[in-house]
C-alpha atoms as a PDB file:
ATOM      1  CA  UNK A   1      84.588  80.376  81.808  1.00  0.00           C
ATOM      2  CA  UNK A   2      86.938  82.677  83.659  1.00  0.00           C
ATOM      3  CA  UNK A   3      90.405  81.460  84.547  1.00  0.00           C
ATOM      4  CA  UNK A   4      92.815  82.878  87.095  1.00  0.00           C
ATOM      5  CA  UNK A   5      96.177  84.401  86.198  1.00  0.00           C
ATOM      6  CA  UNK A   6      99.111  85.735  88.176  1.00  0.00           C
ATOM      7  CA  UNK A   7     100.898  88.944  87.186  1.00  0.00           C
ATOM      8  CA  UNK A   8     104.490  89.657  88.176  1.00  0.00           C
ATOM      9  CA  UNK A   9     105.364  93.342  87.935  1.00  0.00           C
ATOM     10  CA  UNK A  10     107.717  96.082  89.031  1.00  0.00           C
ATOM     11  CA  UNK A  11     107.027  99.750  89.696  1.00  0.00           C
ATOM     12  CA  UNK A  12     108.576 102.972  90.883  1.00  0.00           C
ATOM     13  CA  UNK A  13     106.107 104.352  93.397  1.00  0.00           C
ATOM     14  CA  UNK A  14     107.164 108.013  93.450  1.00  0.00           C
ATOM     15  CA  UNK A  15     104.117 109.319  91.585  1.00  0.00           C
ATOM     16  CA  UNK A  16     101.548 106.943  93.088  1.00  0.00           C
ATOM     17  CA  UNK A  17      99.461 106.753  96.242  1.00  0.00           C
ATOM     18  CA  UNK A  18     100.492 103.138  96.687  1.00  0.00           C
ATOM     19  CA  UNK A  19      99.231  99.996  94.978  1.00  0.00           C
ATOM     20  CA  UNK A  20      95.652  99.954  96.247  1.00  0.00           C
ATOM     21  CA  UNK A  21      92.935 101.597  94.154  1.00  0.00           C
ATOM     22  CA  UNK A  22      91.337 104.537  95.979  1.00  0.00           C
ATOM     23  CA  UNK A  23      89.032 107.411  95.027  1.00  0.00           C
ATOM     24  CA  UNK A  24      90.581 110.547  93.548  1.00  0.00           C
ATOM     25  CA  UNK A  25      94.135 109.201  93.711  1.00  0.00           C
ATOM     26  CA  UNK A  26      96.592 107.842  91.176  1.00  0.00           C
ATOM     27  CA  UNK A  27      97.479 104.252  92.062  1.00  0.00           C
ATOM     28  CA  UNK A  28      99.440 101.415  90.503  1.00  0.00           C
ATOM     29  CA  UNK A  29      96.446  99.091  90.634  1.00  0.00           C
ATOM     30  CA  UNK A  30      94.343 101.673  88.828  1.00  0.00           C
ATOM     31  CA  UNK A  31      96.854 101.892  85.975  1.00  0.00           C
ATOM     32  CA  UNK A  32      97.194  98.104  85.669  1.00  0.00           C
ATOM     33  CA  UNK A  33      93.434  97.490  85.784  1.00  0.00           C
ATOM     34  CA  UNK A  34      92.818 100.088  83.096  1.00  0.00           C
ATOM     35  CA  UNK A  35      95.473  98.613  80.812  1.00  0.00           C
ATOM     36  CA  UNK A  36      94.153  95.057  81.226  1.00  0.00           C
ATOM     37  CA  UNK A  37      90.568  96.163  80.697  1.00  0.00           C
ATOM     38  CA  UNK A  38      91.547  98.041  77.526  1.00  0.00           C
ATOM     39  CA  UNK A  39      93.457  95.120  76.003  1.00  0.00           C
ATOM     40  CA  UNK A  40      91.116  92.302  77.012  1.00  0.00           C
ATOM     41  CA  UNK A  41      87.938  94.291  76.309  1.00  0.00           C
ATOM     42  CA  UNK A  42      86.353  93.048  79.533  1.00  0.00           C
ATOM     43  CA  UNK A  43      86.270  94.551  83.036  1.00  0.00           C
ATOM     44  CA  UNK A  44      89.350  93.452  84.994  1.00  0.00           C
ATOM     45  CA  UNK A  45      90.013  94.049  88.679  1.00  0.00           C
ATOM     46  CA  UNK A  46      93.323  92.788  90.003  1.00  0.00           C
ATOM     47  CA  UNK A  47      93.975  91.574  93.551  1.00  0.00           C
ATOM     48  CA  UNK A  48      97.416  92.590  94.803  1.00  0.00           C
ATOM     49  CA  UNK A  49      99.833  90.855  97.148  1.00  0.00           C
ATOM     50  CA  UNK A  50      99.209  93.647  99.638  1.00  0.00           C
ATOM     51  CA  UNK A  51      99.193  97.399 100.024  1.00  0.00           C
ATOM     52  CA  UNK A  52     102.167  99.675  99.616  1.00  0.00           C
ATOM     53  CA  UNK A  53     102.377 103.156 101.095  1.00  0.00           C
ATOM     54  CA  UNK A  54     102.369 106.207  98.845  1.00  0.00           C
ATOM     55  CA  UNK A  55     105.805 106.676  97.311  1.00  0.00           C
ATOM     56  CA  UNK A  56     107.054 103.155  98.097  1.00  0.00           C
ATOM     57  CA  UNK A  57     108.589 101.129  95.267  1.00  0.00           C
ATOM     58  CA  UNK A  58     108.391  97.466  94.289  1.00  0.00           C
ATOM     59  CA  UNK A  59     111.249  95.766  92.481  1.00  0.00           C
ATOM     60  CA  UNK A  60     108.898  92.772  92.545  1.00  0.00           C
ATOM     61  CA  UNK A  61     105.149  92.703  93.128  1.00  0.00           C
ATOM     62  CA  UNK A  62     102.433  90.178  92.348  1.00  0.00           C
ATOM     63  CA  UNK A  63      98.714  90.321  91.668  1.00  0.00           C
ATOM     64  CA  UNK A  64      96.074  87.996  90.266  1.00  0.00           C
ATOM     65  CA  UNK A  65      93.041  88.523  88.050  1.00  0.00           C
ATOM     66  CA  UNK A  66      90.360  86.439  86.367  1.00  0.00           C
ATOM     67  CA  UNK A  67      89.539  86.594  82.685  1.00  0.00           C
ATOM     68  CA  UNK A  68      87.611  84.848  79.941  1.00  0.00           C
ATOM     69  CA  UNK A  69      89.537  86.626  77.198  1.00  0.00           C
ATOM     70  CA  UNK A  70      93.213  86.369  78.107  1.00  0.00           C
ATOM     71  CA  UNK A  71      95.089  83.889  75.922  1.00  0.00           C
ATOM     72  CA  UNK A  72      98.312  82.583  77.549  1.00  0.00           C
ATOM     73  CA  UNK A  73      99.672  81.682  74.129  1.00  0.00           C
ATOM     74  CA  UNK A  74      99.864  85.409  73.303  1.00  0.00           C
ATOM     75  CA  UNK A  75     102.852  85.526  75.675  1.00  0.00           C
ATOM     76  CA  UNK A  76     105.463  88.114  74.768  1.00  0.00           C
ATOM     77  CA  UNK A  77     103.130  89.835  72.309  1.00  0.00           C
ATOM     78  CA  UNK A  78     100.658  90.624  75.086  1.00  0.00           C
ATOM     79  CA  UNK A  79     103.438  91.773  77.437  1.00  0.00           C
ATOM     80  CA  UNK A  80     104.717  94.127  74.736  1.00  0.00           C
ATOM     81  CA  UNK A  81     101.220  95.532  74.193  1.00  0.00           C
ATOM     82  CA  UNK A  82     100.383  96.103  77.850  1.00  0.00           C
ATOM     83  CA  UNK A  83     103.776  97.620  78.643  1.00  0.00           C
ATOM     84  CA  UNK A  84     103.289  99.993  75.718  1.00  0.00           C
ATOM     85  CA  UNK A  85     100.070 101.214  77.354  1.00  0.00           C
ATOM     86  CA  UNK A  86     101.358 101.420  80.939  1.00  0.00           C
ATOM     87  CA  UNK A  87     103.362 104.421  82.181  1.00  0.00           C
ATOM     88  CA  UNK A  88     107.152 104.091  82.032  1.00  0.00           C
ATOM     89  CA  UNK A  89     107.356 103.588  85.803  1.00  0.00           C
ATOM     90  CA  UNK A  90     105.282 100.363  85.753  1.00  0.00           C
ATOM     91  CA  UNK A  91     106.309  97.199  83.927  1.00  0.00           C
ATOM     92  CA  UNK A  92     104.580  93.817  83.695  1.00  0.00           C
ATOM     93  CA  UNK A  93     107.240  91.095  83.879  1.00  0.00           C
ATOM     94  CA  UNK A  94     105.133  87.975  83.393  1.00  0.00           C
ATOM     95  CA  UNK A  95     101.553  86.673  83.267  1.00  0.00           C
ATOM     96  CA  UNK A  96     100.764  82.993  83.743  1.00  0.00           C
ATOM     97  CA  UNK A  97      97.795  80.759  84.603  1.00  0.00           C
ATOM     98  CA  UNK A  98      97.399  79.444  88.149  1.00  0.00           C
ATOM     99  CA  UNK A  99      94.960  77.278  90.080  1.00  0.00           C
ATOM    100  CA  UNK A 100      91.609  78.846  90.962  1.00  0.00           C
ATOM    101  CA  UNK A 101      92.559  78.944  94.658  1.00  0.00           C
ATOM    102  CA  UNK A 102      95.962  80.602  94.125  1.00  0.00           C
ATOM    103  CA  UNK A 103      95.911  84.035  95.763  1.00  0.00           C
ATOM    104  CA  UNK A 104      98.443  86.838  95.324  1.00  0.00           C
ATOM    105  CA  UNK A 105      98.093  87.878  98.968  1.00  0.00           C
ATOM    106  CA  UNK A 106      97.130  84.810 100.948  1.00  0.00           C
ATOM    107  CA  UNK A 107      99.299  82.282  99.105  1.00  0.00           C
ATOM    108  CA  UNK A 108     102.478  84.264  99.830  1.00  0.00           C
ATOM    109  CA  UNK A 109     104.896  82.600 102.249  1.00  0.00           C
ATOM    110  CA  UNK A 110     107.118  85.618 102.892  1.00  0.00           C
ATOM    111  CA  UNK A 111     107.993  89.103 101.723  1.00  0.00           C
ATOM    112  CA  UNK A 112     111.347  90.887 101.674  1.00  0.00           C
ATOM    113  CA  UNK A 113     111.824  94.650 101.881  1.00  0.00           C
ATOM    114  CA  UNK A 114     114.888  96.832 101.532  1.00  0.00           C
ATOM    115  CA  UNK A 115     115.352 100.324 102.891  1.00  0.00           C
ATOM    116  CA  UNK A 116     118.192 102.257 101.247  1.00  0.00           C
ATOM    117  CA  UNK A 117     119.944 105.229 102.839  1.00  0.00           C
ATOM    118  CA  UNK A 118     122.392 107.259 100.778  1.00  0.00           C
ATOM    119  CA  UNK A 119     125.275 108.633 102.818  1.00  0.00           C
ATOM    120  CA  UNK A 120     126.204 111.127 100.098  1.00  0.00           C
ATOM    121  CA  UNK A 121     124.196 113.099  97.589  1.00  0.00           C
ATOM    122  CA  UNK A 122     123.739 110.954  94.484  1.00  0.00           C
ATOM    123  CA  UNK A 123     121.534 112.071  91.572  1.00  0.00           C
ATOM    124  CA  UNK A 124     121.235 108.456  90.380  1.00  0.00           C
ATOM    125  CA  UNK A 125     119.692 107.430  93.705  1.00  0.00           C
ATOM    126  CA  UNK A 126     117.312 110.367  93.889  1.00  0.00           C
ATOM    127  CA  UNK A 127     113.817 109.131  94.636  1.00  0.00           C
ATOM    128  CA  UNK A 128     115.058 105.583  95.293  1.00  0.00           C
ATOM    129  CA  UNK A 129     116.886 106.166  98.561  1.00  0.00           C
ATOM    130  CA  UNK A 130     116.831 108.548 101.498  1.00  0.00           C
ATOM    131  CA  UNK A 131     119.751 110.966 101.749  1.00  0.00           C
ATOM    132  CA  UNK A 132     120.974 110.932 105.363  1.00  0.00           C
ATOM    133  CA  UNK A 133     124.569 112.228 105.638  1.00  0.00           C
ATOM    134  CA  UNK A 134     124.908 112.159 109.444  1.00  0.00           C
ATOM    135  CA  UNK A 135     127.010 109.644 111.449  1.00  0.00           C
ATOM    136  CA  UNK A 136     125.393 106.314 112.342  1.00  0.00           C
ATOM    137  CA  UNK A 137     126.702 103.354 114.355  1.00  0.00           C
ATOM    138  CA  UNK A 138     125.891 100.417 112.064  1.00  0.00           C
ATOM    139  CA  UNK A 139     127.029  97.832 114.607  1.00  0.00           C
ATOM    140  CA  UNK A 140     124.469  99.046 117.144  1.00  0.00           C
ATOM    141  CA  UNK A 141     121.787  99.193 114.460  1.00  0.00           C
ATOM    142  CA  UNK A 142     122.563  95.628 113.424  1.00  0.00           C
ATOM    143  CA  UNK A 143     122.392  94.431 117.036  1.00  0.00           C
ATOM    144  CA  UNK A 144     119.005  96.093 117.445  1.00  0.00           C
ATOM    145  CA  UNK A 145     117.827  94.514 114.182  1.00  0.00           C
ATOM    146  CA  UNK A 146     118.585  91.047 115.540  1.00  0.00           C
ATOM    147  CA  UNK A 147     116.125  91.727 118.365  1.00  0.00           C
ATOM    148  CA  UNK A 148     113.379  91.897 115.719  1.00  0.00           C
ATOM    149  CA  UNK A 149     113.943  88.226 114.871  1.00  0.00           C
ATOM    150  CA  UNK A 150     113.064  87.345 118.465  1.00  0.00           C
ATOM    151  CA  UNK A 151     109.956  89.564 118.406  1.00  0.00           C
ATOM    152  CA  UNK A 152     106.425  88.248 117.889  1.00  0.00           C
ATOM    153  CA  UNK A 153     104.197  91.308 118.288  1.00  0.00           C
ATOM    154  CA  UNK A 154     104.944  94.442 116.247  1.00  0.00           C
ATOM    155  CA  UNK A 155     102.136  96.661 117.518  1.00  0.00           C
ATOM    156  CA  UNK A 156     104.675  99.384 118.384  1.00  0.00           C
ATOM    157  CA  UNK A 157     105.494  99.713 114.683  1.00  0.00           C
ATOM    158  CA  UNK A 158     101.942  99.525 113.351  1.00  0.00           C
ATOM    159  CA  UNK A 159     100.195 102.579 111.944  1.00  0.00           C
ATOM    160  CA  UNK A 160      97.303 103.910 114.018  1.00  0.00           C
ATOM    161  CA  UNK A 161      93.802 102.874 112.915  1.00  0.00           C
ATOM    162  CA  UNK A 162      95.183  99.906 110.995  1.00  0.00           C
ATOM    163  CA  UNK A 163      92.575  97.317 110.040  1.00  0.00           C
ATOM    164  CA  UNK A 164      94.974  94.428 110.709  1.00  0.00           C
ATOM    165  CA  UNK A 165      93.314  91.612 112.667  1.00  0.00           C
ATOM    166  CA  UNK A 166      96.601  90.796 114.382  1.00  0.00           C
ATOM    167  CA  UNK A 167      99.898  92.599 114.912  1.00  0.00           C
ATOM    168  CA  UNK A 168     101.883  89.376 115.175  1.00  0.00           C
ATOM    169  CA  UNK A 169     104.516  88.768 112.482  1.00  0.00           C
ATOM    170  CA  UNK A 170     107.381  86.305 112.132  1.00  0.00           C
ATOM    171  CA  UNK A 171     110.599  88.020 111.045  1.00  0.00           C
ATOM    172  CA  UNK A 172     113.112  85.535 109.628  1.00  0.00           C
ATOM    173  CA  UNK A 173     115.869  88.030 108.783  1.00  0.00           C
ATOM    174  CA  UNK A 174     116.727  91.625 109.620  1.00  0.00           C
ATOM    175  CA  UNK A 175     120.069  93.345 109.189  1.00  0.00           C
ATOM    176  CA  UNK A 176     122.169  96.130 107.702  1.00  0.00           C
ATOM    177  CA  UNK A 177     124.810  96.094 104.998  1.00  0.00           C
ATOM    178  CA  UNK A 178     126.923  98.857 103.462  1.00  0.00           C
ATOM    179  CA  UNK A 179     127.523  99.284  99.741  1.00  0.00           C
ATOM    180  CA  UNK A 180     129.866 102.145  98.866  1.00  0.00           C
ATOM    181  CA  UNK A 181     128.037 105.227 100.169  1.00  0.00           C
ATOM    182  CA  UNK A 182     124.706 103.451 100.667  1.00  0.00           C
ATOM    183  CA  UNK A 183     123.553 101.525 103.727  1.00  0.00           C
ATOM    184  CA  UNK A 184     120.777  98.993 103.231  1.00  0.00           C
ATOM    185  CA  UNK A 185     118.349  97.535 105.746  1.00  0.00           C
ATOM    186  CA  UNK A 186     116.880  94.194 104.656  1.00  0.00           C
ATOM    187  CA  UNK A 187     113.987  92.522 106.440  1.00  0.00           C
ATOM    188  CA  UNK A 188     112.062  89.352 105.586  1.00  0.00           C
ATOM    189  CA  UNK A 189     108.872  88.227 107.313  1.00  0.00           C
ATOM    190  CA  UNK A 190     105.751  86.186 106.733  1.00  0.00           C
ATOM    191  CA  UNK A 191     103.677  89.378 106.768  1.00  0.00           C
ATOM    192  CA  UNK A 192     104.031  93.110 107.408  1.00  0.00           C
ATOM    193  CA  UNK A 193     101.808  95.711 109.031  1.00  0.00           C
ATOM    194  CA  UNK A 194     101.036  99.107 107.526  1.00  0.00           C
ATOM    195  CA  UNK A 195     104.009 101.466 107.897  1.00  0.00           C
ATOM    196  CA  UNK A 196     105.895  98.752 109.840  1.00  0.00           C
ATOM    197  CA  UNK A 197     109.223  98.822 107.989  1.00  0.00           C
ATOM    198  CA  UNK A 198     109.437 102.612 107.870  1.00  0.00           C
ATOM    199  CA  UNK A 199     108.647 102.861 111.595  1.00  0.00           C
ATOM    200  CA  UNK A 200     111.313 100.265 112.370  1.00  0.00           C
ATOM    201  CA  UNK A 201     113.899 102.087 110.241  1.00  0.00           C
ATOM    202  CA  UNK A 202     113.100 105.448 111.849  1.00  0.00           C
ATOM    203  CA  UNK A 203     113.565 103.923 115.295  1.00  0.00           C
ATOM    204  CA  UNK A 204     116.774 102.121 114.292  1.00  0.00           C
ATOM    205  CA  UNK A 205     118.168 105.429 113.044  1.00  0.00           C
ATOM    206  CA  UNK A 206     117.782 106.777 116.577  1.00  0.00           C
ATOM    207  CA  UNK A 207     119.640 103.702 117.850  1.00  0.00           C
ATOM    208  CA  UNK A 208     122.427 104.429 115.362  1.00  0.00           C
ATOM    209  CA  UNK A 209     122.595 108.053 116.503  1.00  0.00           C
ATOM    210  CA  UNK A 210     123.082 106.910 120.095  1.00  0.00           C
ATOM    211  CA  UNK A 211     119.744 108.374 121.185  1.00  0.00           C
ATOM    212  CA  UNK A 212     118.203 104.979 122.044  1.00  0.00           C
ATOM    213  CA  UNK A 213     120.157 102.263 123.934  1.00  0.00           C
ATOM    214  CA  UNK A 214     119.567  98.632 122.950  1.00  0.00           C
ATOM    215  CA  UNK A 215     117.633  97.956 126.139  1.00  0.00           C
ATOM    216  CA  UNK A 216     115.347 100.888 125.392  1.00  0.00           C
ATOM    217  CA  UNK A 217     114.753  99.425 121.919  1.00  0.00           C
ATOM    218  CA  UNK A 218     113.513  96.237 123.602  1.00  0.00           C
ATOM    219  CA  UNK A 219     111.245  98.311 125.850  1.00  0.00           C
ATOM    220  CA  UNK A 220     109.771 100.100 122.821  1.00  0.00           C
ATOM    221  CA  UNK A 221     108.817  96.732 121.312  1.00  0.00           C
ATOM    222  CA  UNK A 222     107.319  95.452 124.561  1.00  0.00           C
ATOM    223  CA  UNK A 223     105.311  98.661 125.032  1.00  0.00           C
ATOM    224  CA  UNK A 224     102.928  97.661 122.242  1.00  0.00           C
ATOM    225  CA  UNK A 225     102.251 101.323 121.511  1.00  0.00           C
ATOM    226  CA  UNK A 226     103.114 103.219 118.318  1.00  0.00           C
ATOM    227  CA  UNK A 227     103.795 106.315 120.429  1.00  0.00           C
ATOM    228  CA  UNK A 228     106.713 104.517 122.089  1.00  0.00           C
ATOM    229  CA  UNK A 229     108.567 104.116 118.785  1.00  0.00           C
ATOM    230  CA  UNK A 230     110.082 106.909 116.718  1.00  0.00           C
ATOM    231  CA  UNK A 231     109.204 108.653 113.480  1.00  0.00           C
ATOM    232  CA  UNK A 232     108.743 106.801 110.200  1.00  0.00           C
ATOM    233  CA  UNK A 233     111.540 106.978 107.642  1.00  0.00           C
ATOM    234  CA  UNK A 234     110.563 108.647 104.325  1.00  0.00           C
ATOM    235  CA  UNK A 235     108.809 106.469 101.750  1.00  0.00           C
ATOM    236  CA  UNK A 236     111.297 106.915  98.898  1.00  0.00           C
ATOM    237  CA  UNK A 237     113.930 104.665 100.496  1.00  0.00           C
ATOM    238  CA  UNK A 238     111.643 101.621 100.764  1.00  0.00           C
ATOM    239  CA  UNK A 239     111.269  98.905  98.126  1.00  0.00           C
ATOM    240  CA  UNK A 240     109.494  95.559  98.157  1.00  0.00           C
ATOM    241  CA  UNK A 241     112.139  93.245  96.713  1.00  0.00           C
ATOM    242  CA  UNK A 242     110.731  89.734  96.800  1.00  0.00           C
ATOM    243  CA  UNK A 243     107.572  87.731  97.487  1.00  0.00           C
ATOM    244  CA  UNK A 244     108.019  84.022  98.044  1.00  0.00           C
ATOM    245  CA  UNK A 245     105.253  81.644  96.919  1.00  0.00           C
ATOM    246  CA  UNK A 246     105.003  77.846  96.990  1.00  0.00           C
ATOM    247  CA  UNK A 247     107.046  76.371  94.134  1.00  0.00           C
ATOM    248  CA  UNK A 248     103.854  74.772  92.815  1.00  0.00           C
ATOM    249  CA  UNK A 249     102.128  78.104  92.203  1.00  0.00           C
ATOM    250  CA  UNK A 250     103.067  78.163  88.509  1.00  0.00           C
ATOM    251  CA  UNK A 251     102.575  74.457  87.917  1.00  0.00           C
ATOM    252  CA  UNK A 252      99.390  73.653  89.814  1.00  0.00           C
ATOM    253  CA  UNK A 253      96.836  74.814  87.220  1.00  0.00           C
ATOM    254  CA  UNK A 254      93.147  73.916  87.328  1.00  0.00           C
END
């Protein structure tokens, strides 16, 4: 009888076309599914917590799969084996049994993303942040970010031809911080639309440059049209940092 398991993992998305398996493209899901199938000697298809755009990273990501062969008691031995098979830019952090109705995507309560912008050239941030050396008004950008918390419909920041059934999201936090020569945008919400964070960051950059007044930022949101917002920030600066699940997810096993 198959049982359901959660996987916690981390990956650097530079060389991948996102998480989601797709024809003729290298994806994180494809690598993970192949490694699980090889070790368990049964076909395994994981279900991820959501999609990530090509080039986007995940400090934390979750997926679930079902298996007859996986033995939870193998623990660290199995983690060592699968991480030996996976590329160096993907690591499995934990695997544990969950209830049959636990779902990596639909059981999630919230997700937190960070977008990192390097103010100076830094070889140790290459590929993990966006180098943008031009002046920005962080106070104005932070004020604009607070407007997002009051927003319900994010259609203006949704990629065209998205299959999302609704463009409504509940943002619980959005703001900017500065760490040495890096500025970081953090946003937490119950759900995100395709390309949403990168479109928001690109538009906030224009606010910080003084090209878009705060009132115009409100108008962009109310327009409900992707054409009203600005360009999308490059993928390499974006990382999924956290997915919050009910505290019972690890303990409620059927």
